[in-house]
Amino acid sequence: MTSSDAALTRLLSDARTWAAQDPDPATAAALTELVRLTDEGAAGARQELADSFSGTLQFGTAGLRAALGAGPNRMNRVVVRRAAAGLAAFLGSAVAQAAPGTRPRAVVGYDARYNSDIFAEETAAIFTAAGIETFLMPAALPTPLLAYAVRALDCDGGVMVTASHNPPQDNGYKVYLGRHAVEESGRGAQIVAPYDALIAAEIDAVGALDSIALAAGGWTVLDPSIATDYEAAVAALAVPERFPARELKIVLTPMHGVGGETAVAVLKAAGFTDVTLVAEQAEPDPDFPTVNFPNPEEPGALDLALETAARVDADIVIANDPDADRAAVAAKDPDTGAWRMLRGDEVGALLGAHVVARLATDGAAGGAAAGVFANSIVSSRLLARIAAAAGYAHEETLTGFKWIARVPGLLYGYEEALGYCVAPSLVRDKDGISAAVLIAELAAAAKAEGKTIFDTLDELYLVHGLHASDQLSIRVADLGLLDAMMNRLRVSPPDSFGGSAVETAADLAEGSEQLPPTDGLLYLTKDGSRVIIRPSGTEPKLKCYLEVIRSVGSAAELPQARLEARAALDGVLADVREALGL
């Protein structure tokens, strides 16, 4: 027997063993069919089968996320049961050490993707059997609501079953820690190291599948009031006595996700009653039929929303991704008359300036003691300038809200990938619904003064400089290509971008006093241009983040400054492509 024959025999044996123990008849049947086709020599079936059993889906700081299907390298009931059992063991141990005699508490939420409700209910059953006081969300609800519940219910842990904005074939398992299970700054936030490794070790230690106990009941299905409590708390973020304008025509799309009902309720409770839902995308649909990718960042994802906005003559478009933890914004650009989606950095700066204005109306004195503004290292440097000018401290973090949410004294944080935390005391994570309330508030305030949000941006540029950014994302089929491209840069580092010499080159994998190690490279040039290149943590992509800054003396200089910034970005972009060998 050749090694290839032996490998195929092992693969078929592993698959048959999995199918025999699989508690899900649908995945068991699909796997049995794959085995039959592979046995008959179908190359495509063998490739799919081999990938499904090519390794065990690894639990990390993003929890779990993968395509649905049978096998250890897919999202399914076997993998989720093992993850739930491992997490239950971790919570039991952590709480026993921190607060002996205290019963652990956990809450489980889910979105409307395929199998989300099943994965959530089985998690609740496993937690309950492990002695954890467990709460299950009453329906498919947004991720921010689960993050809110972890804090509101004083839980030690939380699980959200979602793949956020991934393609329809995916699902995921996002973990939050709270109360006794984590340090104060991380309570209610997503996990970071070392908790991911500690939980992963407990998952690895789980025995045979039939050793995992599932309770027949005993968990608490939460009353729908958990959602109305969140809605009331978020709506109360609006301050009509200071920003009274409410005349704003909003088009909202939940992008076939679970945020529509909640977002409309919150906006209306905050006084924004003229909200038009994009009809074709209003209801949850796990197939996401009107978009190629249910991600507002993807080209074409907002087409239906922009068509609706043009038809109803809206002032602004707000788009949430399917689990509503992100928010995209579009408006009519007065320079071109065309609708344009704002970059995440543009919205991040607008919200940052608006938070400063709200604090100023509170009579806040500023200063580091008053709180901190934060953004990820790949986001624009504009927020740091806005915060400094107002007397607030500012911090940069690694990419991901698991880091931003942990900044002590956080007042406001954002990342360029459309994630905004405007109320860290309510939700210690990005929240596209609370962000929508403040976006509406600042847009209505601008409209009342005869301006647009683009005018508000220009005012920031006049004070702090025109910050222009762009991105290059390279999707790969083979993850090994990401390592190859990063190695190419480390072996042959570029000496200039856009005609400006590199003055600082930092390998982020080495870490620093400010940042833990992460796989990424940062370059700063003599003219202040910045390039950061890193592999994505959630998708098979290499992501390149570019920013240039141009001083602007007057409003009359802005058009020329924009042209110069765009030309500079194009030059930097060309050099990035060359450095990567594209």
Protein backbone atom coordinates (compact mmCIF):
# COMPACT_ATOMS: atom_id res chain seq x y z
CA MET A 1 0.00 0.00 0.00
CA THR A 2 1.38 3.41 -0.96
CA SER A 3 1.47 6.33 1.48
CA SER A 4 -1.28 7.96 -0.59
CA ASP A 5 -3.45 4.85 -0.25
CA ALA A 6 -2.80 4.75 3.49
CA ALA A 7 -3.71 8.42 3.86
CA LEU A 8 -6.96 7.86 1.97
CA THR A 9 -7.79 4.84 4.12
CA ARG A 10 -7.21 6.86 7.30
CA LEU A 11 -9.26 9.76 5.94
CA LEU A 12 -12.22 7.53 5.09
CA SER A 13 -11.97 5.80 8.46
CA ASP A 14 -11.89 9.10 10.34
CA ALA A 15 -14.87 10.36 8.37
CA ARG A 16 -16.94 7.23 9.00
CA THR A 17 -16.13 7.38 12.72
CA TRP A 18 -17.19 11.03 12.82
CA ALA A 19 -20.44 10.34 10.95
CA ALA A 20 -21.31 7.52 13.36
CA GLN A 21 -21.03 9.80 16.41
CA ASP A 22 -22.33 13.05 14.84
CA PRO A 23 -25.44 14.24 16.74
CA ASP A 24 -26.59 16.24 13.69
CA PRO A 25 -28.30 13.97 11.14
CA ALA A 26 -27.84 16.56 8.38
CA THR A 27 -24.06 16.82 8.68
CA ALA A 28 -23.79 13.05 9.25
CA ALA A 29 -25.70 12.38 6.02
CA ALA A 30 -23.64 14.94 4.08
CA LEU A 31 -20.43 13.40 5.40
CA THR A 32 -21.57 9.87 4.51
CA GLU A 33 -22.25 11.07 0.96
CA LEU A 34 -18.79 12.67 0.76
CA VAL A 35 -17.27 9.37 1.87
CA ARG A 36 -19.21 7.48 -0.82
CA LEU A 37 -18.14 9.91 -3.57
CA THR A 38 -14.52 9.86 -2.38
CA ASP A 39 -14.54 6.07 -2.30
CA GLU A 40 -15.74 6.15 -5.92
CA GLY A 41 -12.83 8.39 -6.91
CA ALA A 42 -14.47 11.83 -7.10
CA ALA A 43 -11.56 14.27 -6.80
CA GLY A 44 -13.67 17.22 -5.62
CA ALA A 45 -15.25 15.16 -2.84
CA ARG A 46 -11.86 13.90 -1.70
CA GLN A 47 -10.50 17.45 -1.58
CA GLU A 48 -13.48 18.65 0.47
CA LEU A 49 -13.21 15.67 2.80
CA ALA A 50 -9.46 16.13 3.23
CA ASP A 51 -9.90 19.80 4.11
CA SER A 52 -12.68 19.02 6.61
CA PHE A 53 -10.31 16.64 8.42
CA SER A 54 -7.03 18.50 7.79
CA GLY A 55 -6.77 19.58 11.42
CA THR A 56 -8.77 20.77 14.39
CA LEU A 57 -10.39 24.18 14.25
CA GLN A 58 -8.24 26.27 16.56
CA PHE A 59 -9.75 28.34 19.34
CA GLY A 60 -8.14 31.79 19.51
CA THR A 61 -8.86 35.39 20.45
CA ALA A 62 -11.60 35.46 17.82
CA GLY A 63 -13.02 32.27 19.37
CA LEU A 64 -14.02 29.97 16.52
CA ARG A 65 -15.05 30.86 12.98
CA ALA A 66 -15.24 28.61 9.92
CA ALA A 67 -17.50 27.14 7.28
CA LEU A 68 -20.37 24.97 8.46
CA GLY A 69 -19.97 21.25 7.83
CA ALA A 70 -18.82 17.97 9.33
CA GLY A 71 -15.33 17.30 10.59
CA PRO A 72 -12.93 18.83 13.10
CA ASN A 73 -12.01 21.71 10.77
CA ARG A 74 -15.60 22.95 10.39
CA MET A 75 -18.28 24.55 12.54
CA ASN A 76 -20.69 21.85 13.69
CA ARG A 77 -22.38 20.47 16.78
CA VAL A 78 -19.44 18.24 17.70
CA VAL A 79 -16.94 21.12 17.58
CA VAL A 80 -19.33 23.43 19.43
CA ARG A 81 -20.06 20.86 22.15
CA ARG A 82 -16.35 20.44 22.78
CA ALA A 83 -15.83 24.22 22.82
CA ALA A 84 -18.71 24.69 25.26
CA ALA A 85 -17.42 21.95 27.55
CA GLY A 86 -13.91 23.43 27.55
CA LEU A 87 -15.21 26.94 28.19
CA ALA A 88 -17.43 25.64 31.01
CA ALA A 89 -14.39 24.00 32.63
CA PHE A 90 -12.40 27.22 32.31
CA LEU A 91 -15.19 29.33 33.85
CA GLY A 92 -15.64 26.88 36.71
CA SER A 93 -11.93 26.90 37.49
CA ALA A 94 -11.50 30.68 37.12
CA VAL A 95 -14.45 31.50 39.37
CA ALA A 96 -13.42 28.89 41.96
CA GLN A 97 -10.01 30.54 42.22
CA ALA A 98 -11.24 34.14 42.24
CA ALA A 99 -14.36 33.70 44.38
CA PRO A 100 -14.50 30.29 46.11
CA GLY A 101 -18.04 29.10 46.70
CA THR A 102 -19.51 31.36 43.97
CA ARG A 103 -21.57 29.74 41.24
CA PRO A 104 -20.40 30.84 37.78
CA ARG A 105 -22.87 32.75 35.60
CA ALA A 106 -22.94 32.90 31.79
CA VAL A 107 -25.18 34.24 29.03
CA VAL A 108 -25.49 32.86 25.50
CA GLY A 109 -26.70 34.76 22.45
CA TYR A 110 -27.09 33.95 18.78
CA ASP A 111 -27.83 35.54 15.41
CA ALA A 112 -29.97 34.25 12.52
CA ARG A 113 -27.30 32.28 10.65
CA TYR A 114 -27.76 28.61 9.93
CA ASN A 115 -27.45 26.55 13.15
CA SER A 116 -26.83 29.58 15.39
CA ASP A 117 -29.87 28.80 17.55
CA ILE A 118 -28.91 25.10 17.81
CA PHE A 119 -25.30 25.89 18.76
CA ALA A 120 -26.55 28.38 21.37
CA GLU A 121 -29.07 26.02 22.97
CA GLU A 122 -26.58 23.15 23.17
CA THR A 123 -24.06 25.54 24.77
CA ALA A 124 -26.70 26.48 27.36
CA ALA A 125 -27.38 22.79 28.01
CA ILE A 126 -23.67 22.02 28.50
CA PHE A 127 -23.09 25.05 30.73
CA THR A 128 -26.09 24.11 32.87
CA ALA A 129 -24.93 20.51 33.22
CA ALA A 130 -21.54 21.85 34.33
CA GLY A 131 -23.17 23.76 37.19
CA ILE A 132 -23.12 27.21 35.57
CA GLU A 133 -26.14 29.48 36.09
CA THR A 134 -26.99 30.04 32.45
CA PHE A 135 -29.09 32.61 30.60
CA LEU A 136 -30.13 32.19 26.97
CA MET A 137 -31.15 35.18 24.87
CA PRO A 138 -34.87 35.13 23.99
CA ALA A 139 -34.36 35.42 20.22
CA ALA A 140 -31.80 36.03 17.49
CA LEU A 141 -30.40 39.42 18.54
CA PRO A 142 -27.39 41.66 17.80
CA THR A 143 -23.93 40.94 19.17
CA PRO A 144 -23.82 44.26 21.10
CA LEU A 145 -26.88 43.11 23.03
CA LEU A 146 -25.02 39.98 24.16
CA ALA A 147 -22.03 42.12 25.18
CA TYR A 148 -24.44 44.39 27.09
CA ALA A 149 -26.01 41.37 28.83
CA VAL A 150 -22.64 40.07 30.07
CA ARG A 151 -22.27 43.28 32.10
CA ALA A 152 -25.94 43.93 32.87
CA LEU A 153 -26.44 40.40 34.27
CA ASP A 154 -23.06 40.41 36.06
CA CYS A 155 -21.93 37.26 34.26
CA ASP A 156 -18.54 35.57 34.30
CA GLY A 157 -18.79 34.58 30.66
CA GLY A 158 -20.72 35.15 27.48
CA VAL A 159 -20.95 33.38 24.14
CA MET A 160 -22.25 34.90 20.93
CA VAL A 161 -22.88 32.47 18.10
CA THR A 162 -22.23 34.52 14.99
CA ALA A 163 -19.87 34.87 12.05
CA SER A 164 -20.60 38.61 11.89
CA HIS A 165 -20.09 39.74 8.27
CA ASN A 166 -18.60 36.51 6.91
CA PRO A 167 -20.15 34.68 3.91
CA PRO A 168 -23.39 32.73 4.48
CA GLN A 169 -21.68 29.33 4.66
CA ASP A 170 -19.80 30.36 7.84
CA ASN A 171 -20.61 30.48 11.51
CA GLY A 172 -18.61 31.29 14.62
CA TYR A 173 -18.35 31.27 18.39
CA LYS A 174 -17.30 34.52 20.05
CA VAL A 175 -16.40 34.48 23.76
CA TYR A 176 -16.61 37.28 26.34
CA LEU A 177 -15.44 37.20 29.94
CA GLY A 178 -16.71 39.14 32.94
CA ARG A 179 -17.07 39.39 36.70
CA HIS A 180 -14.73 36.86 38.41
CA ALA A 181 -13.22 35.36 35.24
CA VAL A 182 -11.09 38.29 34.08
CA GLU A 183 -9.37 41.44 35.28
CA GLU A 184 -11.44 44.63 35.69
CA SER A 185 -10.44 46.24 32.38
CA GLY A 186 -11.60 43.18 30.44
CA ARG A 187 -14.99 42.64 32.05
CA GLY A 188 -17.57 42.43 29.30
CA ALA A 189 -14.94 42.43 26.54
CA GLN A 190 -13.88 39.74 24.07
CA ILE A 191 -11.08 37.46 25.17
CA VAL A 192 -7.39 38.18 24.61
CA ALA A 193 -4.23 36.24 25.45
CA PRO A 194 -3.64 34.39 27.71
CA TYR A 195 -7.32 33.52 28.13
CA ASP A 196 -7.59 32.11 24.61
CA ALA A 197 -4.79 29.62 25.30
CA LEU A 198 -6.22 28.70 28.71
CA ILE A 199 -9.65 28.01 27.19
CA ALA A 200 -8.08 26.15 24.24
CA ALA A 201 -6.22 23.90 26.68
CA GLU A 202 -9.49 23.06 28.44
CA ILE A 203 -11.11 22.26 25.08
CA ASP A 204 -8.19 19.97 24.20
CA ALA A 205 -8.65 18.19 27.54
CA VAL A 206 -12.32 17.38 26.88
CA GLY A 207 -12.81 13.63 26.63
CA ALA A 208 -14.94 11.63 24.24
CA LEU A 209 -18.02 13.31 22.81
CA ASP A 210 -20.38 11.01 24.72
CA SER A 211 -18.73 12.13 27.99
CA ILE A 212 -20.04 15.69 27.56
CA ALA A 213 -23.20 16.07 29.63
CA LEU A 214 -26.14 18.11 28.28
CA ALA A 215 -28.86 19.17 30.70
CA ALA A 216 -32.44 18.62 29.54
CA GLY A 217 -33.37 22.03 30.96
CA GLY A 218 -32.59 24.30 33.87
CA TRP A 219 -31.24 27.35 32.07
CA THR A 220 -33.17 30.61 31.98
CA VAL A 221 -34.51 31.91 28.68
CA LEU A 222 -34.32 35.65 29.23
CA ASP A 223 -37.40 37.80 29.03
CA PRO A 224 -37.56 40.07 25.95
CA SER A 225 -37.12 42.94 28.41
CA ILE A 226 -33.34 42.39 28.11
CA ALA A 227 -33.68 43.86 24.61
CA THR A 228 -35.91 46.72 25.68
CA ASP A 229 -33.51 47.52 28.55
CA TYR A 230 -30.65 47.77 26.05
CA GLU A 231 -32.77 49.86 23.68
CA ALA A 232 -33.70 52.30 26.46
CA ALA A 233 -30.10 52.59 27.67
CA VAL A 234 -28.77 53.25 24.16
CA ALA A 235 -31.56 55.68 23.24
CA ALA A 236 -30.73 57.61 26.41
CA LEU A 237 -27.27 58.33 24.99
CA ALA A 238 -28.91 61.04 22.86
CA VAL A 239 -28.84 64.46 24.51
CA PRO A 240 -31.63 66.50 22.85
CA GLU A 241 -31.29 69.29 25.40
CA ARG A 242 -27.80 69.98 24.02
CA PHE A 243 -28.16 68.70 20.45
CA PRO A 244 -31.88 69.29 19.84
CA ALA A 245 -31.98 68.84 16.05
CA ARG A 246 -33.95 65.78 14.98
CA GLU A 247 -34.89 66.66 11.41
CA LEU A 248 -33.02 63.96 9.58
CA LYS A 249 -34.19 61.51 6.95
CA ILE A 250 -32.39 58.21 7.52
CA VAL A 251 -32.20 55.11 5.33
CA LEU A 252 -31.19 52.08 7.36
CA THR A 253 -30.18 48.59 6.26
CA PRO A 254 -29.48 45.67 8.60
CA MET A 255 -28.10 43.76 5.58
CA HIS A 256 -30.31 40.69 6.13
CA GLY A 257 -29.09 40.53 9.72
CA VAL A 258 -30.60 40.76 13.18
CA GLY A 259 -30.13 44.46 13.89
CA GLY A 260 -33.04 46.04 12.02
CA GLU A 261 -35.78 45.92 14.63
CA THR A 262 -33.45 46.98 17.45
CA ALA A 263 -31.82 49.80 15.49
CA VAL A 264 -35.14 51.28 14.37
CA ALA A 265 -36.52 51.09 17.91
CA VAL A 266 -33.44 52.82 19.34
CA LEU A 267 -33.35 55.57 16.71
CA LYS A 268 -37.05 56.31 17.14
CA ALA A 269 -36.77 56.35 20.93
CA ALA A 270 -33.90 58.83 20.54
CA GLY A 271 -36.18 61.10 18.49
CA PHE A 272 -35.15 60.11 14.96
CA THR A 273 -38.52 59.02 13.64
CA ASP A 274 -37.95 59.41 9.89
CA VAL A 275 -36.27 56.04 9.30
CA THR A 276 -36.76 54.05 6.08
CA LEU A 277 -35.65 50.43 6.11
CA VAL A 278 -34.25 48.95 2.90
CA ALA A 279 -37.15 46.61 2.22
CA GLU A 280 -35.16 43.90 0.41
CA GLN A 281 -32.69 43.61 3.32
CA ALA A 282 -34.96 44.32 6.31
CA GLU A 283 -35.60 40.78 7.56
CA PRO A 284 -33.00 38.27 8.77
CA ASP A 285 -32.01 35.85 6.03
CA PRO A 286 -29.03 33.51 6.48
CA ASP A 287 -28.51 33.33 2.72
CA PHE A 288 -27.91 37.11 2.41
CA PRO A 289 -29.45 36.97 -1.08
CA THR A 290 -28.91 40.56 -2.24
CA VAL A 291 -25.17 40.88 -1.51
CA ASN A 292 -22.07 38.93 -2.51
CA PHE A 293 -20.62 39.46 0.97
CA PRO A 294 -22.78 40.76 3.84
CA ASN A 295 -20.11 43.29 4.76
CA PRO A 296 -20.75 47.03 4.30
CA GLU A 297 -17.09 47.47 3.35
CA GLU A 298 -17.43 45.26 0.27
CA PRO A 299 -18.09 46.90 -3.13
CA GLY A 300 -21.78 46.82 -4.02
CA ALA A 301 -23.00 45.95 -0.52
CA LEU A 302 -24.68 49.36 -0.11
CA ASP A 303 -26.14 49.59 -3.62
CA LEU A 304 -29.74 48.90 -2.53
CA ALA A 305 -29.43 51.31 0.38
CA LEU A 306 -28.10 54.07 -1.87
CA GLU A 307 -30.89 53.43 -4.39
CA THR A 308 -33.43 53.72 -1.58
CA ALA A 309 -31.77 56.90 -0.30
CA ALA A 310 -31.94 58.50 -3.75
CA ARG A 311 -35.60 57.51 -4.10
CA VAL A 312 -36.72 58.95 -0.75
CA ASP A 313 -34.29 61.89 -0.85
CA ALA A 314 -32.61 60.84 2.40
CA ASP A 315 -30.00 62.82 4.27
CA ILE A 316 -27.93 59.86 5.35
CA VAL A 317 -27.58 56.09 5.01
CA ILE A 318 -26.65 53.92 7.98
CA ALA A 319 -25.80 50.27 7.36
CA ASN A 320 -25.22 47.66 10.03
CA ASP A 321 -23.51 44.38 9.31
CA PRO A 322 -25.55 41.21 10.01
CA ASP A 323 -24.81 41.04 13.75
CA ALA A 324 -25.00 44.86 14.05
CA ASP A 325 -21.68 45.41 15.77
CA ARG A 326 -20.46 47.61 12.89
CA ALA A 327 -21.92 50.70 11.24
CA ALA A 328 -21.28 52.18 7.81
CA VAL A 329 -22.33 55.70 6.83
CA ALA A 330 -23.04 57.20 3.41
CA ALA A 331 -24.15 60.69 2.44
CA LYS A 332 -24.33 62.90 -0.64
CA ASP A 333 -20.95 64.50 -1.25
CA PRO A 334 -21.57 68.22 -1.92
CA ASP A 335 -18.47 68.39 -4.16
CA THR A 336 -19.74 65.76 -6.60
CA GLY A 337 -23.47 65.52 -5.86
CA ALA A 338 -23.03 61.73 -5.69
CA TRP A 339 -23.68 59.44 -2.75
CA ARG A 340 -20.49 58.22 -1.12
CA MET A 341 -19.78 55.83 1.71
CA LEU A 342 -17.47 57.39 4.26
CA ARG A 343 -14.34 55.54 5.24
CA GLY A 344 -14.23 54.11 8.73
CA ASP A 345 -11.54 56.62 9.65
CA GLU A 346 -13.76 59.50 8.55
CA VAL A 347 -16.67 58.29 10.69
CA GLY A 348 -14.24 57.57 13.52
CA ALA A 349 -13.02 61.17 13.46
CA LEU A 350 -16.55 62.59 13.24
CA LEU A 351 -17.71 60.54 16.20
CA GLY A 352 -14.56 61.41 18.16
CA ALA A 353 -15.11 65.13 17.62
CA HIS A 354 -18.79 64.74 18.52
CA VAL A 355 -17.92 62.92 21.75
CA VAL A 356 -15.54 65.78 22.59
CA ALA A 357 -18.34 68.27 21.93
CA ARG A 358 -20.74 66.29 24.13
CA LEU A 359 -18.18 66.21 26.93
CA ALA A 360 -17.60 69.94 26.56
CA THR A 361 -21.30 70.57 27.09
CA ASP A 362 -20.97 68.53 30.30
CA GLY A 363 -18.40 71.04 31.47
CA ALA A 364 -15.64 68.45 31.33
CA ALA A 365 -12.24 69.97 32.01
CA GLY A 366 -10.33 67.53 29.84
CA GLY A 367 -6.98 66.10 30.76
CA ALA A 368 -5.85 62.52 31.09
CA ALA A 369 -7.77 62.04 34.32
CA ALA A 370 -11.03 62.78 32.51
CA GLY A 371 -10.74 59.72 30.29
CA VAL A 372 -9.03 58.31 27.25
CA PHE A 373 -9.72 58.19 23.51
CA ALA A 374 -8.34 55.16 21.68
CA ASN A 375 -8.07 53.57 18.26
CA SER A 376 -6.28 50.64 16.70
CA ILE A 377 -2.80 51.17 15.32
CA VAL A 378 -4.02 50.75 11.73
CA SER A 379 -6.61 53.52 12.13
CA SER A 380 -6.03 57.19 11.29
CA ARG A 381 -3.85 59.45 13.42
CA LEU A 382 -6.54 62.15 13.30
CA LEU A 383 -8.32 61.03 16.48
CA ALA A 384 -5.10 61.47 18.45
CA ARG A 385 -4.92 65.10 17.29
CA ILE A 386 -8.60 65.72 18.10
CA ALA A 387 -8.15 64.27 21.59
CA ALA A 388 -4.92 66.18 22.28
CA ALA A 389 -6.46 69.48 21.20
CA ALA A 390 -9.28 68.93 23.66
CA GLY A 391 -6.92 67.94 26.48
CA TYR A 392 -7.67 64.23 26.54
CA ALA A 393 -5.26 61.33 26.63
CA HIS A 394 -5.06 59.03 23.63
CA GLU A 395 -3.85 55.46 23.19
CA GLU A 396 -3.15 53.22 20.21
CA THR A 397 -3.88 49.52 20.53
CA LEU A 398 -3.47 46.39 18.49
CA THR A 399 -6.14 45.72 15.87
CA GLY A 400 -9.42 44.46 17.27
CA PHE A 401 -11.93 45.65 19.82
CA LYS A 402 -10.73 43.06 22.29
CA TRP A 403 -7.80 45.47 22.76
CA ILE A 404 -9.55 48.81 22.36
CA ALA A 405 -12.22 47.86 24.92
CA ARG A 406 -9.55 47.17 27.54
CA VAL A 407 -8.07 50.67 27.57
CA PRO A 408 -8.48 51.94 31.15
CA GLY A 409 -10.68 55.04 31.40
CA LEU A 410 -11.97 54.60 27.84
CA LEU A 411 -14.39 57.32 26.74
CA TYR A 412 -14.49 56.49 23.04
CA GLY A 413 -12.71 54.02 20.81
CA TYR A 414 -12.85 53.01 17.17
CA GLU A 415 -11.15 50.98 14.47
CA GLU A 416 -11.15 51.76 10.77
CA ALA A 417 -13.07 48.55 9.95
CA LEU A 418 -16.35 50.34 10.81
CA GLY A 419 -16.23 49.54 14.52
CA TYR A 420 -17.12 52.21 17.11
CA CYS A 421 -17.50 52.10 20.89
CA VAL A 422 -19.33 55.25 21.97
CA ALA A 423 -20.64 53.95 25.32
CA PRO A 424 -18.08 51.65 26.96
CA SER A 425 -20.03 51.65 30.24
CA LEU A 426 -22.91 49.90 28.42
CA VAL A 427 -21.13 47.76 25.82
CA ARG A 428 -17.42 47.03 26.16
CA ASP A 429 -17.17 46.26 22.47
CA LYS A 430 -17.95 47.78 19.10
CA ASP A 431 -21.64 48.56 18.74
CA GLY A 432 -23.18 49.61 15.44
CA ILE A 433 -26.49 50.57 17.04
CA SER A 434 -25.26 52.98 19.70
CA ALA A 435 -22.91 54.41 17.06
CA ALA A 436 -25.94 54.96 14.79
CA VAL A 437 -27.58 57.12 17.45
CA LEU A 438 -24.58 59.44 17.72
CA ILE A 439 -24.10 59.46 13.94
CA ALA A 440 -27.71 60.59 13.56
CA GLU A 441 -27.23 63.20 16.28
CA LEU A 442 -24.14 64.75 14.69
CA ALA A 443 -25.65 64.63 11.18
CA ALA A 444 -28.86 66.31 12.36
CA ALA A 445 -26.83 68.98 14.16
CA ALA A 446 -24.87 69.68 10.96
CA LYS A 447 -28.08 69.82 8.90
CA ALA A 448 -29.64 72.30 11.34
CA GLU A 449 -26.67 74.59 10.69
CA GLY A 450 -27.06 74.23 6.93
CA LYS A 451 -24.07 71.92 6.65
CA THR A 452 -23.34 68.30 5.79
CA ILE A 453 -21.14 65.84 7.61
CA PHE A 454 -18.57 66.44 4.87
CA ASP A 455 -18.45 70.10 5.94
CA THR A 456 -17.88 68.95 9.52
CA LEU A 457 -15.01 66.77 8.30
CA ASP A 458 -13.50 69.71 6.44
CA GLU A 459 -13.60 71.78 9.63
CA LEU A 460 -11.57 69.07 11.36
CA TYR A 461 -9.06 69.05 8.49
CA LEU A 462 -8.58 72.80 8.69
CA VAL A 463 -7.59 72.47 12.34
CA HIS A 464 -5.70 69.17 12.34
CA GLY A 465 -4.59 68.63 8.73
CA LEU A 466 -6.15 66.64 5.90
CA HIS A 467 -5.79 62.96 6.81
CA ALA A 468 -6.38 60.79 3.75
CA SER A 469 -6.31 57.01 3.93
CA ASP A 470 -6.68 54.02 1.65
CA GLN A 471 -6.41 50.25 1.83
CA LEU A 472 -5.19 47.36 -0.24
CA SER A 473 -6.62 43.95 0.63
CA ILE A 474 -5.23 40.84 -1.02
CA ARG A 475 -7.41 37.74 -0.63
CA VAL A 476 -5.54 34.44 -0.95
CA ALA A 477 -6.62 30.83 -1.36
CA ASP A 478 -3.48 29.51 0.35
CA LEU A 479 -2.66 30.94 3.79
CA GLY A 480 0.98 30.14 3.13
CA LEU A 481 1.03 33.02 0.67
CA LEU A 482 0.47 35.46 3.54
CA ASP A 483 3.65 34.25 5.27
CA ALA A 484 5.51 34.42 1.97
CA MET A 485 4.53 38.05 1.36
CA MET A 486 5.40 39.08 4.93
CA ASN A 487 8.76 37.29 4.67
CA ARG A 488 9.48 39.05 1.38
CA LEU A 489 9.07 42.42 3.12
CA ARG A 490 11.22 41.39 6.07
CA VAL A 491 14.02 40.15 3.80
CA SER A 492 13.84 43.06 1.33
CA PRO A 493 12.36 46.07 3.18
CA PRO A 494 11.31 49.02 1.00
CA ASP A 495 13.35 52.20 1.40
CA SER A 496 10.65 54.66 0.27
CA PHE A 497 6.94 55.03 -0.40
CA GLY A 498 5.48 57.58 -2.77
CA GLY A 499 8.88 59.16 -3.31
CA SER A 500 9.41 59.82 0.42
CA ALA A 501 12.20 57.98 2.23
CA VAL A 502 11.32 55.55 5.02
CA GLU A 503 12.53 57.06 8.31
CA THR A 504 11.05 54.49 10.67
CA ALA A 505 10.51 50.79 10.02
CA ALA A 506 9.10 48.69 12.86
CA ASP A 507 8.47 44.96 12.94
CA LEU A 508 5.40 44.77 15.16
CA ALA A 509 6.14 41.09 15.83
CA GLU A 510 8.89 42.28 18.16
CA GLY A 511 6.45 44.17 20.38
CA SER A 512 7.17 47.40 22.26
CA GLU A 513 6.46 49.14 25.56
CA GLN A 514 3.15 50.32 24.10
CA LEU A 515 2.04 47.25 22.14
CA PRO A 516 2.23 43.47 22.58
CA PRO A 517 3.77 41.55 19.66
CA THR A 518 1.61 41.05 16.56
CA ASP A 519 2.38 39.99 13.01
CA GLY A 520 2.71 43.28 11.14
CA LEU A 521 5.12 45.82 9.67
CA LEU A 522 4.92 49.60 10.11
CA TYR A 523 6.69 52.23 8.00
CA LEU A 524 6.78 56.01 8.50
CA THR A 525 8.26 58.20 5.77
CA LYS A 526 9.92 61.58 5.90
CA ASP A 527 6.77 63.39 4.72
CA GLY A 528 4.62 61.71 7.41
CA SER A 529 3.09 59.02 5.23
CA ARG A 530 2.37 55.77 7.07
CA VAL A 531 2.10 52.22 5.77
CA ILE A 532 1.08 49.23 7.90
CA ILE A 533 0.93 45.71 6.44
CA ARG A 534 -0.52 42.75 8.34
CA PRO A 535 -2.36 39.47 7.77
CA SER A 536 -6.05 39.61 8.70
CA GLY A 537 -6.96 37.89 11.93
CA THR A 538 -10.34 36.64 10.68
CA GLU A 539 -10.08 36.22 6.89
CA PRO A 540 -7.51 34.83 4.39
CA LYS A 541 -6.30 38.32 3.47
CA LEU A 542 -3.20 40.47 3.59
CA LYS A 543 -4.26 43.98 4.57
CA CYS A 544 -2.29 47.13 3.81
CA TYR A 545 -3.26 50.43 5.47
CA LEU A 546 -2.03 53.70 3.99
CA GLU A 547 -2.30 57.25 5.33
CA VAL A 548 -0.95 60.62 4.19
CA ILE A 549 -1.36 63.97 5.94
CA ARG A 550 -1.40 67.39 4.28
CA SER A 551 -1.56 70.74 6.11
CA VAL A 552 -4.38 73.03 4.99
CA GLY A 553 -4.29 76.78 5.62
CA SER A 554 -7.79 77.69 4.49
CA ALA A 555 -10.99 76.25 3.09
CA ALA A 556 -9.94 77.46 -0.35
CA GLU A 557 -6.91 75.17 -0.21
CA LEU A 558 -8.91 72.02 0.53
CA PRO A 559 -9.71 71.02 -3.09
CA GLN A 560 -6.04 71.16 -4.09
CA ALA A 561 -4.99 69.40 -0.88
CA ARG A 562 -7.41 66.59 -1.68
CA LEU A 563 -5.93 66.16 -5.14
CA GLU A 564 -2.40 66.13 -3.75
CA ALA A 565 -3.33 63.63 -1.04
CA ARG A 566 -4.95 61.32 -3.58
CA ALA A 567 -1.90 61.49 -5.81
CA ALA A 568 0.33 60.77 -2.83
CA LEU A 569 -1.81 57.76 -1.85
CA ASP A 570 -1.64 56.44 -5.41
CA GLY A 571 2.14 56.70 -5.31
CA VAL A 572 2.33 54.90 -1.97
CA LEU A 573 -0.09 52.25 -3.22
CA ALA A 574 2.04 51.58 -6.30
CA ASP A 575 5.14 51.15 -4.14
CA VAL A 576 3.32 48.79 -1.75
CA ARG A 577 2.28 46.62 -4.71
CA GLU A 578 5.84 46.56 -5.99
CA ALA A 579 7.22 45.68 -2.56
CA LEU A 580 4.81 42.76 -2.33
CA GLY A 581 5.69 41.55 -5.81
CA LEU A 582 2.18 42.05 -7.16
